[in-house]
């Protein structure tokens, strides 16, 4: 069985994005994973404007929208994991988020977002002809959130807005570990009996929140003439993963399934940010988010003496971004109507001894007269760890966002 565990470690870097924490929650998408946000280092949740739309961290921001915003986002990513003299590279295409928001005049602004919060994915076959053993490793986990949001500006203090959102969790988890024939420790006269046998540890289940339909975010925003600020609180919640374990022999004989309820308590999150505007079109922004994990995460684990828990640490993220807004005059030169972005970020993962740093650049390309925008961002960085059980990783990604702007219903008065 040690050979099987070694095979698992050898491919632990071949994944949707990162395989760090694959038996726990997988990789967490930084909140606000739109192409525009990515282009400025995932900063700017305090920035207001006609095409900013929904923020899952700061629902109060959308109260200052004046037009309907539809935002679709796509990611093409390349990840390379390395340890000692070994390295593995994979590519992926995904849709991390989409959102829609529309103002309702004096009745506030409503929005809805579909956001991939956590994800891990791997499928790999390993063959060792010399020692006559095979292994198949497959993980498919995706935790999505449907997030309706509502925000309104205060009637007598129009520079201040309040917002709230509910996060409805959905998704599934599947893992299949298959060990092929290994005759190295069986006498030659008995080896014939194992030549065609395989053993599979198959686990599947769904994600949901324990004892509640959703968890919640509450936020307040101040928009001044030069600077905007926000502060938000996201409530703690307990993820529930109802898992069914099936131990199979050559797909013909299955032991009685075992059911286990896995619970992961996610702590409250505090977030704040500022956007400072100067010379009318230049913006500098800083965002900070923090969560204090106080207990380890129970792994899927199961057979073959796999680790039972993933150790955690305080989850901390700081982002620094810059954006030069484009001119809103259609007859200006095209390059002057383009949006230019750049940013940096640093993140402590929820997984102990894992940190991430990255940088990005981006542009926004206006389409037509109505304010539609094609956002493009290029990002890259590294994930570092002091734990020998994890691989160090480098990543590179291209994000593409399509922003549609309309005037459905009433526009908001200023």
Protein backbone atom coordinates (compact mmCIF):
# COMPACT_ATOMS: atom_id res chain seq x y z
CA UNK A 1 0.00 0.00 0.00
CA UNK A 2 2.98 2.32 0.41
CA UNK A 3 3.39 2.24 -3.37
CA UNK A 4 -0.19 3.43 -3.78
CA UNK A 5 0.35 6.35 -1.43
CA UNK A 6 3.53 7.25 -3.30
CA UNK A 7 1.58 7.20 -6.57
CA UNK A 8 -1.01 9.53 -5.03
CA UNK A 9 1.68 11.99 -3.97
CA UNK A 10 3.35 11.86 -7.37
CA UNK A 11 0.27 13.25 -9.12
CA UNK A 12 -0.98 15.50 -6.34
CA UNK A 13 -0.12 18.55 -8.43
CA UNK A 14 -2.19 17.56 -11.49
CA UNK A 15 -5.48 19.32 -10.95
CA UNK A 16 -8.09 21.90 -11.85
CA UNK A 17 -5.86 24.55 -10.32
CA UNK A 18 -4.22 23.37 -7.10
CA UNK A 19 -4.17 20.04 -5.34
CA UNK A 20 -3.22 21.56 -1.98
CA UNK A 21 -6.02 20.66 0.41
CA UNK A 22 -7.61 18.28 -2.09
CA UNK A 23 -8.94 15.99 0.69
CA UNK A 24 -10.29 19.01 2.59
CA UNK A 25 -11.97 21.79 0.56
CA UNK A 26 -9.55 22.21 -2.34
CA UNK A 27 -8.61 25.62 -3.71
CA UNK A 28 -10.59 28.66 -2.64
CA UNK A 29 -11.31 31.26 -5.30
CA UNK A 30 -10.47 34.74 -4.04
CA UNK A 31 -13.80 36.51 -3.59
CA UNK A 32 -14.59 38.71 -6.53
CA UNK A 33 -13.07 36.49 -9.18
CA UNK A 34 -14.19 38.57 -12.16
CA UNK A 35 -11.77 39.44 -14.94
CA UNK A 36 -11.86 43.12 -13.95
CA UNK A 37 -11.08 42.31 -10.31
CA UNK A 38 -8.36 39.87 -11.33
CA UNK A 39 -6.72 42.53 -13.51
CA UNK A 40 -6.20 44.76 -10.46
CA UNK A 41 -4.98 42.02 -8.11
CA UNK A 42 -8.48 41.13 -6.81
CA UNK A 43 -8.72 44.56 -5.16
CA UNK A 44 -11.48 47.11 -5.65
CA UNK A 45 -14.54 45.86 -3.74
CA UNK A 46 -14.98 49.48 -2.58
CA UNK A 47 -14.90 50.90 -6.11
CA UNK A 48 -18.24 52.12 -7.47
CA UNK A 49 -19.28 52.72 -11.05
CA UNK A 50 -21.82 51.83 -13.73
CA UNK A 51 -20.14 48.52 -14.61
CA UNK A 52 -18.91 47.25 -11.22
CA UNK A 53 -21.96 45.08 -10.44
CA UNK A 54 -22.19 42.44 -7.69
CA UNK A 55 -19.48 41.93 -5.08
CA UNK A 56 -19.87 38.80 -2.93
CA UNK A 57 -17.64 40.43 -0.28
CA UNK A 58 -19.34 43.85 -0.32
CA UNK A 59 -23.01 43.68 -1.34
CA UNK A 60 -23.46 47.36 -0.35
CA UNK A 61 -21.43 48.49 -3.39
CA UNK A 62 -24.13 47.75 -5.94
CA UNK A 63 -26.41 50.39 -4.41
CA UNK A 64 -24.43 53.00 -6.38
CA UNK A 65 -24.97 51.28 -9.75
CA UNK A 66 -26.97 53.34 -12.22
CA UNK A 67 -27.46 50.70 -14.92
CA UNK A 68 -28.15 47.01 -15.24
CA UNK A 69 -24.93 44.96 -15.28
CA UNK A 70 -24.52 41.39 -16.56
CA UNK A 71 -21.04 39.92 -16.02
CA UNK A 72 -19.77 36.56 -17.36
CA UNK A 73 -16.25 35.41 -16.48
CA UNK A 74 -14.00 32.66 -17.85
CA UNK A 75 -10.58 31.37 -16.80
CA UNK A 76 -7.88 29.54 -18.73
CA UNK A 77 -5.27 28.41 -16.21
CA UNK A 78 -1.93 26.58 -16.22
CA UNK A 79 -0.52 25.14 -12.98
CA UNK A 80 2.88 23.53 -12.44
CA UNK A 81 3.60 21.61 -9.23
CA UNK A 82 7.16 20.70 -8.30
CA UNK A 83 9.10 18.94 -5.58
CA UNK A 84 12.76 17.86 -5.69
CA UNK A 85 13.43 16.89 -9.31
CA UNK A 86 9.79 16.13 -10.22
CA UNK A 87 7.28 18.52 -11.77
CA UNK A 88 3.83 18.26 -13.34
CA UNK A 89 1.88 20.71 -15.47
CA UNK A 90 -1.81 20.87 -16.30
CA UNK A 91 -4.27 23.25 -17.96
CA UNK A 92 -7.94 23.95 -17.30
CA UNK A 93 -10.87 26.01 -18.53
CA UNK A 94 -13.57 27.07 -16.09
CA UNK A 95 -16.24 29.66 -15.37
CA UNK A 96 -15.53 30.95 -11.84
CA UNK A 97 -18.44 33.39 -11.63
CA UNK A 98 -21.34 35.13 -13.28
CA UNK A 99 -23.60 37.83 -11.90
CA UNK A 100 -26.49 40.14 -12.69
CA UNK A 101 -27.56 43.31 -10.91
CA UNK A 102 -30.18 45.92 -11.64
CA UNK A 103 -31.29 49.12 -9.87
CA UNK A 104 -34.90 49.67 -8.80
CA UNK A 105 -34.88 53.41 -8.24
CA UNK A 106 -35.60 54.41 -4.63
CA UNK A 107 -36.29 50.74 -3.80
CA UNK A 108 -32.60 49.82 -3.89
CA UNK A 109 -30.61 47.47 -6.11
CA UNK A 110 -31.04 43.72 -6.44
CA UNK A 111 -28.40 41.32 -7.71
CA UNK A 112 -27.62 37.63 -7.97
CA UNK A 113 -24.31 35.84 -8.43
CA UNK A 114 -23.24 32.26 -9.11
CA UNK A 115 -19.77 31.78 -7.62
CA UNK A 116 -17.46 28.76 -7.48
CA UNK A 117 -16.11 29.08 -3.93
CA UNK A 118 -14.01 25.90 -3.60
CA UNK A 119 -12.91 23.38 -6.23
CA UNK A 120 -10.52 20.49 -6.86
CA UNK A 121 -10.32 18.14 -9.80
CA UNK A 122 -7.91 15.43 -10.87
CA UNK A 123 -7.96 12.33 -13.05
CA UNK A 124 -4.75 10.38 -13.62
CA UNK A 125 -3.72 6.81 -14.47
CA UNK A 126 -0.36 5.48 -13.31
CA UNK A 127 1.25 2.32 -14.69
CA UNK A 128 4.39 0.55 -13.45
CA UNK A 129 5.28 -2.20 -15.93
CA UNK A 130 8.38 -3.26 -14.01
CA UNK A 131 6.59 -4.04 -10.74
CA UNK A 132 3.25 -4.89 -12.42
CA UNK A 133 1.00 -2.52 -10.52
CA UNK A 134 -1.42 0.19 -11.58
CA UNK A 135 -3.19 3.05 -9.86
CA UNK A 136 -6.06 5.32 -10.89
CA UNK A 137 -6.73 8.53 -9.01
CA UNK A 138 -9.79 10.73 -9.52
CA UNK A 139 -11.12 13.69 -7.54
CA UNK A 140 -14.08 15.83 -8.60
CA UNK A 141 -15.26 18.40 -6.08
CA UNK A 142 -17.00 21.69 -6.70
CA UNK A 143 -18.72 23.88 -4.14
CA UNK A 144 -20.84 26.57 -5.79
CA UNK A 145 -22.82 29.33 -4.14
CA UNK A 146 -25.96 31.03 -5.41
CA UNK A 147 -25.80 34.52 -3.87
CA UNK A 148 -28.81 36.87 -4.04
CA UNK A 149 -27.90 40.38 -2.86
CA UNK A 150 -29.75 43.55 -1.96
CA UNK A 151 -28.44 47.06 -1.26
CA UNK A 152 -29.94 50.48 -0.69
CA UNK A 153 -28.63 54.00 -0.16
CA UNK A 154 -29.79 55.77 3.00
CA UNK A 155 -32.57 58.29 2.22
CA UNK A 156 -31.03 61.28 4.01
CA UNK A 157 -27.39 60.26 3.76
CA UNK A 158 -26.99 59.35 0.10
CA UNK A 159 -23.24 58.74 0.29
CA UNK A 160 -23.83 55.75 2.58
CA UNK A 161 -25.30 52.40 1.55
CA UNK A 162 -26.16 49.16 3.34
CA UNK A 163 -26.22 45.72 1.75
CA UNK A 164 -26.82 42.08 2.58
CA UNK A 165 -26.51 38.78 0.78
CA UNK A 166 -27.41 35.14 1.39
CA UNK A 167 -25.07 32.34 0.25
CA UNK A 168 -26.90 29.15 -0.75
CA UNK A 169 -24.42 26.29 -1.03
CA UNK A 170 -24.62 23.49 -3.59
CA UNK A 171 -22.20 21.01 -5.07
CA UNK A 172 -20.87 17.48 -4.96
CA UNK A 173 -17.75 15.51 -4.06
CA UNK A 174 -16.48 12.34 -5.74
CA UNK A 175 -13.24 10.45 -5.16
CA UNK A 176 -12.14 7.15 -6.67
CA UNK A 177 -8.80 5.52 -5.73
CA UNK A 178 -8.09 2.25 -7.54
CA UNK A 179 -5.13 -0.03 -6.86
CA UNK A 180 -4.33 -2.59 -9.56
CA UNK A 181 -2.58 -5.96 -9.12
CA UNK A 182 0.63 -6.02 -7.09
CA UNK A 183 2.25 -9.44 -6.79
CA UNK A 184 5.52 -8.36 -5.22
CA UNK A 185 4.69 -9.75 -1.76
CA UNK A 186 2.78 -12.86 -2.87
CA UNK A 187 4.38 -16.23 -3.42
CA UNK A 188 4.79 -17.17 -7.08
CA UNK A 189 2.54 -20.19 -6.84
CA UNK A 190 -0.34 -18.03 -5.57
CA UNK A 191 0.23 -14.97 -7.77
CA UNK A 192 -2.13 -16.26 -10.48
CA UNK A 193 -5.08 -15.54 -8.20
CA UNK A 194 -4.43 -11.79 -8.17
CA UNK A 195 -3.47 -11.13 -11.78
CA UNK A 196 -6.76 -9.52 -12.78
CA UNK A 197 -7.92 -8.07 -9.49
CA UNK A 198 -8.31 -4.40 -8.63
CA UNK A 199 -9.41 -2.73 -5.41
CA UNK A 200 -11.27 0.58 -5.49
CA UNK A 201 -12.13 2.98 -2.70
CA UNK A 202 -15.04 5.02 -4.12
CA UNK A 203 -16.53 7.95 -2.19
CA UNK A 204 -19.29 10.35 -3.20
CA UNK A 205 -21.54 12.88 -1.52
CA UNK A 206 -23.14 16.32 -1.65
CA UNK A 207 -22.32 19.66 -0.02
CA UNK A 208 -24.83 21.61 2.06
CA UNK A 209 -24.96 23.85 5.12
CA UNK A 210 -25.80 22.15 8.40
CA UNK A 211 -29.12 23.11 10.01
CA UNK A 212 -29.59 26.20 7.83
CA UNK A 213 -30.37 27.03 4.21
CA UNK A 214 -27.62 29.68 3.84
CA UNK A 215 -24.99 31.85 5.47
CA UNK A 216 -24.94 35.65 5.21
CA UNK A 217 -22.85 38.74 4.49
CA UNK A 218 -23.67 42.23 5.80
CA UNK A 219 -21.87 45.34 4.55
CA UNK A 220 -21.77 49.12 4.74
CA UNK A 221 -20.25 51.45 2.13
CA UNK A 222 -19.30 55.10 2.15
CA UNK A 223 -18.72 56.84 -1.19
CA UNK A 224 -17.00 60.19 -0.95
CA UNK A 225 -15.91 62.60 -3.64
CA UNK A 226 -12.36 61.23 -3.67
CA UNK A 227 -12.42 58.06 -1.55
CA UNK A 228 -14.78 55.14 -0.93
CA UNK A 229 -14.69 52.69 1.96
CA UNK A 230 -16.49 49.49 2.88
CA UNK A 231 -16.64 47.08 5.79
CA UNK A 232 -18.35 43.68 5.79
CA UNK A 233 -18.96 40.72 8.07
CA UNK A 234 -19.67 37.19 6.83
CA UNK A 235 -21.26 34.85 9.35
CA UNK A 236 -19.67 31.53 10.34
CA UNK A 237 -21.26 28.33 9.07
CA UNK A 238 -20.79 24.57 9.09
CA UNK A 239 -20.46 22.71 5.81
CA UNK A 240 -21.96 19.24 5.81
CA UNK A 241 -20.66 16.54 3.49
CA UNK A 242 -22.79 13.37 3.58
CA UNK A 243 -20.37 10.78 2.18
CA UNK A 244 -20.97 7.19 1.07
CA UNK A 245 -17.92 4.91 0.98
CA UNK A 246 -17.92 1.88 -1.31
CA UNK A 247 -15.06 -0.63 -1.28
CA UNK A 248 -15.03 -2.57 -4.56
CA UNK A 249 -13.14 -5.60 -5.81
CA UNK A 250 -12.68 -5.67 -9.60
CA UNK A 251 -16.03 -3.84 -10.02
CA UNK A 252 -17.82 -7.17 -9.48
CA UNK A 253 -17.99 -7.39 -5.72
CA UNK A 254 -18.87 -4.42 -3.53
CA UNK A 255 -18.86 -4.46 0.24
CA UNK A 256 -21.81 -2.94 2.10
CA UNK A 257 -21.50 0.86 1.74
CA UNK A 258 -20.54 2.93 4.76
CA UNK A 259 -22.01 6.38 5.37
CA UNK A 260 -20.09 9.10 7.18
CA UNK A 261 -21.17 12.66 7.85
CA UNK A 262 -18.20 15.02 7.50
CA UNK A 263 -18.56 18.49 9.04
CA UNK A 264 -16.30 21.48 8.35
CA UNK A 265 -16.81 24.61 10.43
CA UNK A 266 -15.89 27.70 8.41
CA UNK A 267 -15.23 30.73 10.66
CA UNK A 268 -16.59 34.24 10.25
CA UNK A 269 -14.81 36.55 7.81
CA UNK A 270 -14.09 40.25 8.26
CA UNK A 271 -13.31 42.31 5.16
CA UNK A 272 -12.59 45.95 4.45
CA UNK A 273 -11.27 48.03 1.60
CA UNK A 274 -10.67 51.52 0.27
CA UNK A 275 -10.61 53.04 -3.19
CA UNK A 276 -8.96 56.43 -3.62
CA UNK A 277 -9.55 58.36 -6.84
CA UNK A 278 -7.28 61.15 -8.07
CA UNK A 279 -7.09 63.19 -11.27
CA UNK A 280 -10.68 62.04 -11.95
CA UNK A 281 -9.80 58.72 -13.67
CA UNK A 282 -6.99 57.16 -11.63
CA UNK A 283 -7.81 54.77 -8.78
CA UNK A 284 -5.63 53.13 -6.12
CA UNK A 285 -7.29 50.46 -4.02
CA UNK A 286 -6.49 48.15 -1.10
CA UNK A 287 -8.62 45.23 0.16
CA UNK A 288 -8.08 43.06 3.24
CA UNK A 289 -9.97 39.91 4.34
CA UNK A 290 -9.35 37.74 7.42
CA UNK A 291 -10.71 34.53 8.97
CA UNK A 292 -9.48 32.79 12.14
CA UNK A 293 -9.65 29.00 11.71
CA UNK A 294 -9.74 27.39 15.16
CA UNK A 295 -9.93 23.70 14.26
CA UNK A 296 -8.51 21.25 11.74
CA UNK A 297 -10.56 20.05 8.76
CA UNK A 298 -11.62 16.42 8.67
CA UNK A 299 -10.33 14.83 5.46
CA UNK A 300 -12.20 12.42 3.21
CA UNK A 301 -9.42 9.90 4.03
CA UNK A 302 -10.76 6.33 4.18
CA UNK A 303 -8.49 3.44 3.22
CA UNK A 304 -4.72 2.95 2.96
CA UNK A 305 -3.81 4.94 6.07
CA UNK A 306 -4.46 8.31 4.45
CA UNK A 307 -4.21 11.45 6.57
CA UNK A 308 -7.32 12.02 8.66
CA UNK A 309 -7.14 15.83 8.93
CA UNK A 310 -5.83 18.91 7.16
CA UNK A 311 -4.24 21.30 9.64
CA UNK A 312 -5.41 24.90 9.33
CA UNK A 313 -4.12 28.41 9.99
CA UNK A 314 -5.56 31.92 9.96
CA UNK A 315 -6.75 32.75 6.45
CA UNK A 316 -5.57 36.20 5.42
CA UNK A 317 -5.65 38.04 2.09
CA UNK A 318 -4.40 41.51 1.15
CA UNK A 319 -4.72 42.96 -2.36
CA UNK A 320 -3.29 46.15 -3.85
CA UNK A 321 -4.62 47.42 -7.18
CA UNK A 322 -4.55 50.29 -9.65
CA UNK A 323 -7.06 51.19 -12.37
CA UNK A 324 -7.19 54.03 -14.88
CA UNK A 325 -10.80 54.44 -15.96
CA UNK A 326 -11.57 54.97 -19.61
CA UNK A 327 -13.23 58.03 -21.03
CA UNK A 328 -17.03 57.79 -21.27
CA UNK A 329 -17.08 60.01 -24.37
CA UNK A 330 -17.66 57.74 -27.37
CA UNK A 331 -15.91 60.07 -29.82
CA UNK A 332 -12.63 60.09 -27.88
CA UNK A 333 -9.77 57.98 -29.20
CA UNK A 334 -10.28 54.26 -28.59
CA UNK A 335 -7.09 53.89 -26.54
CA UNK A 336 -8.34 56.68 -24.26
CA UNK A 337 -11.66 54.88 -23.71
CA UNK A 338 -9.85 51.67 -22.69
CA UNK A 339 -9.47 50.74 -18.99
CA UNK A 340 -5.97 49.87 -17.71
CA UNK A 341 -5.38 47.76 -14.58
CA UNK A 342 -2.55 46.24 -12.50
CA UNK A 343 -2.35 44.61 -9.08
CA UNK A 344 -0.62 42.41 -6.50
CA UNK A 345 -1.89 40.10 -3.78
CA UNK A 346 -0.69 37.96 -0.89
CA UNK A 347 -2.76 35.20 0.69
CA UNK A 348 -2.35 32.86 3.64
CA UNK A 349 -4.30 29.73 2.72
CA UNK A 350 -6.56 28.00 5.21
CA UNK A 351 -4.12 25.05 4.91
CA UNK A 352 -1.30 25.25 7.45
CA UNK A 353 2.09 26.47 6.16
CA UNK A 354 0.74 27.37 2.69
CA UNK A 355 1.00 30.91 1.34
CA UNK A 356 0.37 32.43 -2.09
CA UNK A 357 1.53 35.59 -3.83
CA UNK A 358 0.66 36.83 -7.28
CA UNK A 359 0.45 39.73 -9.67
CA UNK A 360 -1.70 40.71 -12.62
CA UNK A 361 -2.30 43.21 -15.39
CA UNK A 362 -5.50 43.82 -17.29
CA UNK A 363 -7.37 45.95 -19.79
CA UNK A 364 -11.00 46.72 -20.51
CA UNK A 365 -12.00 47.03 -24.15
CA UNK A 366 -15.20 49.05 -24.76
CA UNK A 367 -17.71 47.56 -27.21
CA UNK A 368 -20.16 49.95 -28.81
CA UNK A 369 -21.83 53.03 -27.37
CA UNK A 370 -23.89 51.49 -24.58
CA UNK A 371 -21.03 50.75 -22.21
CA UNK A 372 -20.44 47.05 -22.93
CA UNK A 373 -16.94 45.93 -22.03
CA UNK A 374 -14.63 43.03 -22.81
CA UNK A 375 -12.24 42.57 -19.86
CA UNK A 376 -8.94 40.71 -20.21
CA UNK A 377 -6.58 39.90 -17.32
CA UNK A 378 -3.28 38.03 -17.16
CA UNK A 379 -2.27 36.69 -13.75
CA UNK A 380 0.59 34.64 -12.34
CA UNK A 381 2.19 33.69 -9.06
CA UNK A 382 3.32 30.93 -6.75
CA UNK A 383 2.12 28.88 -3.80
CA UNK A 384 4.79 28.01 -1.25
CA UNK A 385 4.72 25.49 1.58
CA UNK A 386 6.97 24.29 4.39
CA UNK A 387 5.10 20.98 4.59
CA UNK A 388 6.76 18.07 2.76
CA UNK A 389 3.33 16.54 2.12
CA UNK A 390 2.41 19.42 -0.19
CA UNK A 391 3.98 20.49 -3.46
CA UNK A 392 5.12 24.01 -4.26
CA UNK A 393 3.18 25.37 -7.22
CA UNK A 394 3.43 28.10 -9.80
CA UNK A 395 0.39 29.24 -11.76
CA UNK A 396 -0.47 31.35 -14.77
CA UNK A 397 -3.92 32.31 -15.97
CA UNK A 398 -5.86 34.33 -18.50
CA UNK A 399 -9.27 35.61 -17.48
CA UNK A 400 -11.87 36.89 -19.91
CA UNK A 401 -14.97 38.77 -18.88
CA UNK A 402 -17.93 40.02 -20.88
CA UNK A 403 -19.84 42.86 -19.26
CA UNK A 404 -23.22 43.85 -20.66
CA UNK A 405 -24.76 47.14 -19.60
CA UNK A 406 -28.40 48.14 -20.08
CA UNK A 407 -31.09 50.52 -18.85
CA UNK A 408 -33.86 48.11 -17.89
CA UNK A 409 -36.33 49.73 -15.55
CA UNK A 410 -35.58 53.01 -13.83
CA UNK A 411 -32.13 54.47 -13.41
CA UNK A 412 -30.98 55.62 -10.01
CA UNK A 413 -30.95 59.29 -9.13
CA UNK A 414 -27.71 60.66 -7.77
